Amino acid sequence: MNSVMLAAVAGLGQQDEANALIRLRDRLASRGVNAELRDNNSALMVHRPEPGLPMWVFVGYGGAYYSWQNAERRHPVDDVEGAADVLAECVAK
């Protein structure tokens, strides 16, 4: 594959990851959790209801999982409802 094709494929993967984070942000908003896309839509910053550091969420493992807490926690991207539930519970603690 030439360099132009490799760049195009990489761009498509980044767009898929950004779309996954957008879906998660929207599900979190429906649960009353404030989250915002950051860094060119490559990360989701999830705010805690109480003062404290936000939780950062990324799409990793080849686009298969949402991951947070230094990749110690993860949830499949194809279960955005479940991921939103788990994250909402995590930031509420």
N, C-alpha and C. Protein backbone atom coordinates (compact mmCIF):
# COMPACT_ATOMS: atom_id res chain seq x y z
N MET A 1 0.85 -1.16 0.00
CA MET A 1 0.00 0.00 0.00
C MET A 1 0.91 1.24 0.00
N ASN A 2 0.56 2.21 -0.85
CA ASN A 2 1.39 3.42 -0.88
C ASN A 2 1.04 4.35 0.28
N SER A 3 1.84 5.40 0.44
CA SER A 3 1.67 6.28 1.59
C SER A 3 0.33 7.02 1.59
N VAL A 4 -0.20 7.35 0.43
CA VAL A 4 -1.49 8.02 0.36
C VAL A 4 -2.60 7.09 0.82
N MET A 5 -2.55 5.85 0.40
CA MET A 5 -3.57 4.88 0.82
C MET A 5 -3.47 4.60 2.31
N LEU A 6 -2.26 4.50 2.84
CA LEU A 6 -2.09 4.28 4.28
C LEU A 6 -2.66 5.45 5.07
N ALA A 7 -2.43 6.66 4.62
CA ALA A 7 -2.97 7.84 5.31
C ALA A 7 -4.49 7.84 5.27
N ALA A 8 -5.07 7.44 4.14
CA ALA A 8 -6.53 7.39 4.01
C ALA A 8 -7.12 6.35 4.96
N VAL A 9 -6.51 5.19 5.04
CA VAL A 9 -6.99 4.14 5.93
C VAL A 9 -6.88 4.59 7.39
N ALA A 10 -5.78 5.23 7.73
CA ALA A 10 -5.61 5.73 9.11
C ALA A 10 -6.66 6.78 9.42
N GLY A 11 -6.96 7.65 8.48
CA GLY A 11 -7.99 8.67 8.68
C GLY A 11 -9.35 8.07 8.90
N LEU A 12 -9.67 7.00 8.18
CA LEU A 12 -10.97 6.34 8.38
C LEU A 12 -11.06 5.72 9.76
N GLY A 13 -9.98 5.14 10.25
CA GLY A 13 -9.97 4.57 11.59
C GLY A 13 -10.15 5.63 12.65
N GLN A 14 -9.52 6.78 12.45
CA GLN A 14 -9.66 7.88 13.41
C GLN A 14 -11.09 8.40 13.41
N GLN A 15 -11.73 8.44 12.24
CA GLN A 15 -13.11 8.91 12.18
C GLN A 15 -14.05 7.94 12.88
N ASP A 16 -13.81 6.64 12.72
CA ASP A 16 -14.62 5.64 13.43
C ASP A 16 -14.48 5.80 14.94
N GLU A 17 -13.26 6.03 15.42
CA GLU A 17 -13.03 6.23 16.85
C GLU A 17 -13.72 7.50 17.33
N ALA A 18 -13.64 8.58 16.54
CA ALA A 18 -14.31 9.83 16.91
C ALA A 18 -15.82 9.62 16.97
N ASN A 19 -16.37 8.90 16.02
CA ASN A 19 -17.82 8.63 16.02
C ASN A 19 -18.23 7.82 17.24
N ALA A 20 -17.40 6.87 17.64
CA ALA A 20 -17.69 6.07 18.83
C ALA A 20 -17.71 6.96 20.07
N LEU A 21 -16.76 7.90 20.16
CA LEU A 21 -16.73 8.81 21.31
C LEU A 21 -17.92 9.77 21.29
N ILE A 22 -18.34 10.19 20.11
CA ILE A 22 -19.51 11.06 20.00
C ILE A 22 -20.76 10.33 20.49
N ARG A 23 -20.91 9.07 20.09
CA ARG A 23 -22.06 8.27 20.55
C ARG A 23 -22.04 8.13 22.07
N LEU A 24 -20.86 7.89 22.63
CA LEU A 24 -20.75 7.74 24.09
C LEU A 24 -21.07 9.06 24.79
N ARG A 25 -20.55 10.16 24.27
CA ARG A 25 -20.85 11.48 24.86
C ARG A 25 -22.36 11.72 24.89
N ASP A 26 -23.04 11.40 23.78
CA ASP A 26 -24.48 11.60 23.72
C ASP A 26 -25.23 10.73 24.72
N ARG A 27 -24.79 9.49 24.89
CA ARG A 27 -25.45 8.59 25.87
C ARG A 27 -25.21 9.08 27.29
N LEU A 28 -24.00 9.57 27.55
CA LEU A 28 -23.71 10.10 28.88
C LEU A 28 -24.56 11.34 29.16
N ALA A 29 -24.73 12.19 28.17
CA ALA A 29 -25.56 13.40 28.34
C ALA A 29 -26.99 13.02 28.68
N SER A 30 -27.50 11.94 28.09
CA SER A 30 -28.88 11.51 28.39
C SER A 30 -29.00 11.01 29.83
N ARG A 31 -27.87 10.70 30.46
CA ARG A 31 -27.85 10.28 31.86
C ARG A 31 -27.47 11.43 32.80
N GLY A 32 -27.34 12.62 32.24
CA GLY A 32 -27.00 13.78 33.04
C GLY A 32 -25.52 13.92 33.36
N VAL A 33 -24.67 13.21 32.64
CA VAL A 33 -23.23 13.27 32.86
C VAL A 33 -22.63 14.21 31.82
N ASN A 34 -21.87 15.19 32.30
CA ASN A 34 -21.24 16.17 31.43
C ASN A 34 -19.95 15.59 30.86
N ALA A 35 -19.85 15.53 29.54
CA ALA A 35 -18.65 15.03 28.88
C ALA A 35 -18.43 15.86 27.62
N GLU A 36 -17.17 16.08 27.28
CA GLU A 36 -16.86 16.86 26.09
C GLU A 36 -15.71 16.24 25.32
N LEU A 37 -15.82 16.32 24.00
CA LEU A 37 -14.77 15.82 23.13
C LEU A 37 -13.57 16.75 23.19
N ARG A 38 -12.39 16.16 23.17
CA ARG A 38 -11.15 16.93 23.23
C ARG A 38 -10.17 16.40 22.20
N ASP A 39 -9.11 17.16 21.99
CA ASP A 39 -7.98 16.71 21.16
C ASP A 39 -8.42 16.14 19.81
N ASN A 40 -9.08 16.98 19.01
CA ASN A 40 -9.53 16.58 17.68
C ASN A 40 -10.42 15.33 17.71
N ASN A 41 -11.27 15.27 18.68
CA ASN A 41 -12.21 14.16 18.86
C ASN A 41 -11.52 12.82 19.11
N SER A 42 -10.32 12.85 19.65
CA SER A 42 -9.62 11.60 19.95
C SER A 42 -9.74 11.19 21.40
N ALA A 43 -10.37 12.03 22.22
CA ALA A 43 -10.54 11.73 23.64
C ALA A 43 -11.84 12.36 24.13
N LEU A 44 -12.41 11.74 25.14
CA LEU A 44 -13.62 12.25 25.77
C LEU A 44 -13.29 12.55 27.22
N MET A 45 -13.51 13.79 27.63
CA MET A 45 -13.27 14.19 29.01
C MET A 45 -14.61 14.15 29.73
N VAL A 46 -14.71 13.27 30.71
CA VAL A 46 -15.96 13.07 31.46
C VAL A 46 -15.80 13.74 32.81
N HIS A 47 -16.64 14.72 33.06
CA HIS A 47 -16.56 15.49 34.30
C HIS A 47 -17.27 14.76 35.44
N ARG A 48 -16.73 14.91 36.62
CA ARG A 48 -17.35 14.35 37.82
C ARG A 48 -18.38 15.35 38.34
N PRO A 49 -19.42 14.87 39.00
CA PRO A 49 -20.42 15.79 39.55
C PRO A 49 -19.87 16.62 40.71
N GLU A 50 -18.92 16.09 41.43
CA GLU A 50 -18.27 16.79 42.54
C GLU A 50 -16.91 17.28 42.04
N PRO A 51 -16.33 18.25 42.71
CA PRO A 51 -15.00 18.69 42.30
C PRO A 51 -14.01 17.53 42.30
N GLY A 52 -13.18 17.51 41.31
CA GLY A 52 -12.19 16.45 41.18
C GLY A 52 -11.71 16.36 39.75
N LEU A 53 -10.74 15.54 39.54
CA LEU A 53 -10.20 15.39 38.21
C LEU A 53 -11.19 14.67 37.30
N PRO A 54 -11.27 15.08 36.05
CA PRO A 54 -12.16 14.39 35.12
C PRO A 54 -11.58 13.02 34.74
N MET A 55 -12.42 12.21 34.17
CA MET A 55 -12.00 10.91 33.67
C MET A 55 -11.83 11.03 32.16
N TRP A 56 -10.72 10.53 31.65
CA TRP A 56 -10.45 10.57 30.22
C TRP A 56 -10.76 9.21 29.61
N VAL A 57 -11.50 9.24 28.51
CA VAL A 57 -11.91 8.01 27.82
C VAL A 57 -11.36 8.06 26.40
N PHE A 58 -10.81 6.96 25.96
CA PHE A 58 -10.26 6.82 24.61
C PHE A 58 -10.84 5.58 23.97
N VAL A 59 -10.71 5.49 22.67
CA VAL A 59 -11.03 4.25 21.96
C VAL A 59 -9.70 3.59 21.66
N GLY A 60 -9.57 2.35 22.08
CA GLY A 60 -8.31 1.65 21.90
C GLY A 60 -8.51 0.22 21.46
N TYR A 61 -7.45 -0.53 21.54
CA TYR A 61 -7.47 -1.95 21.18
C TYR A 61 -8.01 -2.15 19.77
N GLY A 62 -7.45 -1.36 18.84
CA GLY A 62 -7.85 -1.48 17.44
C GLY A 62 -9.25 -0.99 17.17
N GLY A 63 -9.75 -0.10 18.01
CA GLY A 63 -11.10 0.45 17.84
C GLY A 63 -12.19 -0.41 18.44
N ALA A 64 -11.82 -1.44 19.19
CA ALA A 64 -12.81 -2.37 19.73
C ALA A 64 -13.35 -1.98 21.10
N TYR A 65 -12.60 -1.17 21.86
CA TYR A 65 -12.99 -0.88 23.24
C TYR A 65 -12.86 0.60 23.58
N TYR A 66 -13.77 1.06 24.43
CA TYR A 66 -13.57 2.32 25.15
C TYR A 66 -12.64 1.95 26.29
N SER A 67 -11.68 2.79 26.58
CA SER A 67 -10.81 2.51 27.73
C SER A 67 -10.61 3.76 28.56
N TRP A 68 -10.42 3.57 29.86
CA TRP A 68 -10.20 4.67 30.80
C TRP A 68 -9.41 4.13 31.98
N GLN A 69 -9.04 5.02 32.87
CA GLN A 69 -8.19 4.69 34.02
C GLN A 69 -6.93 3.97 33.56
N ASN A 70 -6.18 4.68 32.69
CA ASN A 70 -4.92 4.15 32.15
C ASN A 70 -5.10 2.77 31.53
N ALA A 71 -6.22 2.59 30.85
CA ALA A 71 -6.56 1.34 30.15
C ALA A 71 -6.76 0.16 31.10
N GLU A 72 -6.91 0.45 32.40
CA GLU A 72 -7.22 -0.62 33.35
C GLU A 72 -8.68 -1.03 33.25
N ARG A 73 -9.52 -0.10 32.80
CA ARG A 73 -10.95 -0.38 32.61
C ARG A 73 -11.25 -0.25 31.13
N ARG A 74 -12.10 -1.11 30.62
CA ARG A 74 -12.51 -1.02 29.22
C ARG A 74 -13.89 -1.63 29.05
N HIS A 75 -14.52 -1.24 27.94
CA HIS A 75 -15.86 -1.74 27.63
C HIS A 75 -15.99 -1.76 26.11
N PRO A 76 -16.64 -2.78 25.54
CA PRO A 76 -16.75 -2.88 24.08
C PRO A 76 -17.46 -1.66 23.46
N VAL A 77 -16.91 -1.20 22.35
CA VAL A 77 -17.48 -0.05 21.64
C VAL A 77 -18.87 -0.36 21.11
N ASP A 78 -19.13 -1.62 20.81
CA ASP A 78 -20.46 -1.95 20.25
C ASP A 78 -21.55 -2.02 21.31
N ASP A 79 -21.23 -1.76 22.58
CA ASP A 79 -22.21 -1.67 23.66
C ASP A 79 -22.13 -0.29 24.31
N VAL A 80 -22.53 0.72 23.55
CA VAL A 80 -22.41 2.10 24.03
C VAL A 80 -23.31 2.35 25.24
N GLU A 81 -24.48 1.72 25.29
CA GLU A 81 -25.38 1.89 26.45
C GLU A 81 -24.72 1.36 27.72
N GLY A 82 -24.14 0.18 27.63
CA GLY A 82 -23.46 -0.41 28.78
C GLY A 82 -22.26 0.41 29.21
N ALA A 83 -21.50 0.91 28.22
CA ALA A 83 -20.34 1.74 28.54
C ALA A 83 -20.77 3.01 29.26
N ALA A 84 -21.85 3.62 28.80
CA ALA A 84 -22.35 4.84 29.44
C ALA A 84 -22.79 4.55 30.88
N ASP A 85 -23.44 3.42 31.08
CA ASP A 85 -23.85 3.04 32.43
C ASP A 85 -22.64 2.89 33.37
N VAL A 86 -21.63 2.17 32.90
CA VAL A 86 -20.44 1.92 33.71
C VAL A 86 -19.72 3.23 34.01
N LEU A 87 -19.55 4.06 32.98
CA LEU A 87 -18.85 5.34 33.19
C LEU A 87 -19.61 6.27 34.11
N ALA A 88 -20.93 6.33 33.95
CA ALA A 88 -21.74 7.18 34.83
C ALA A 88 -21.58 6.75 36.28
N GLU A 89 -21.52 5.45 36.51
CA GLU A 89 -21.32 4.94 37.86
C GLU A 89 -19.91 5.28 38.38
N CYS A 90 -18.92 5.15 37.51
CA CYS A 90 -17.52 5.43 37.90
C CYS A 90 -17.33 6.88 38.30
N VAL A 91 -17.87 7.81 37.53
CA VAL A 91 -17.64 9.23 37.86
C VAL A 91 -18.48 9.68 39.04
N ALA A 92 -19.52 8.93 39.37
CA ALA A 92 -20.36 9.30 40.51
C ALA A 92 -19.70 8.94 41.84
N LYS A 93 -18.69 8.09 41.82
CA LYS A 93 -18.02 7.64 43.06
C LYS A 93 -17.09 8.70 43.58
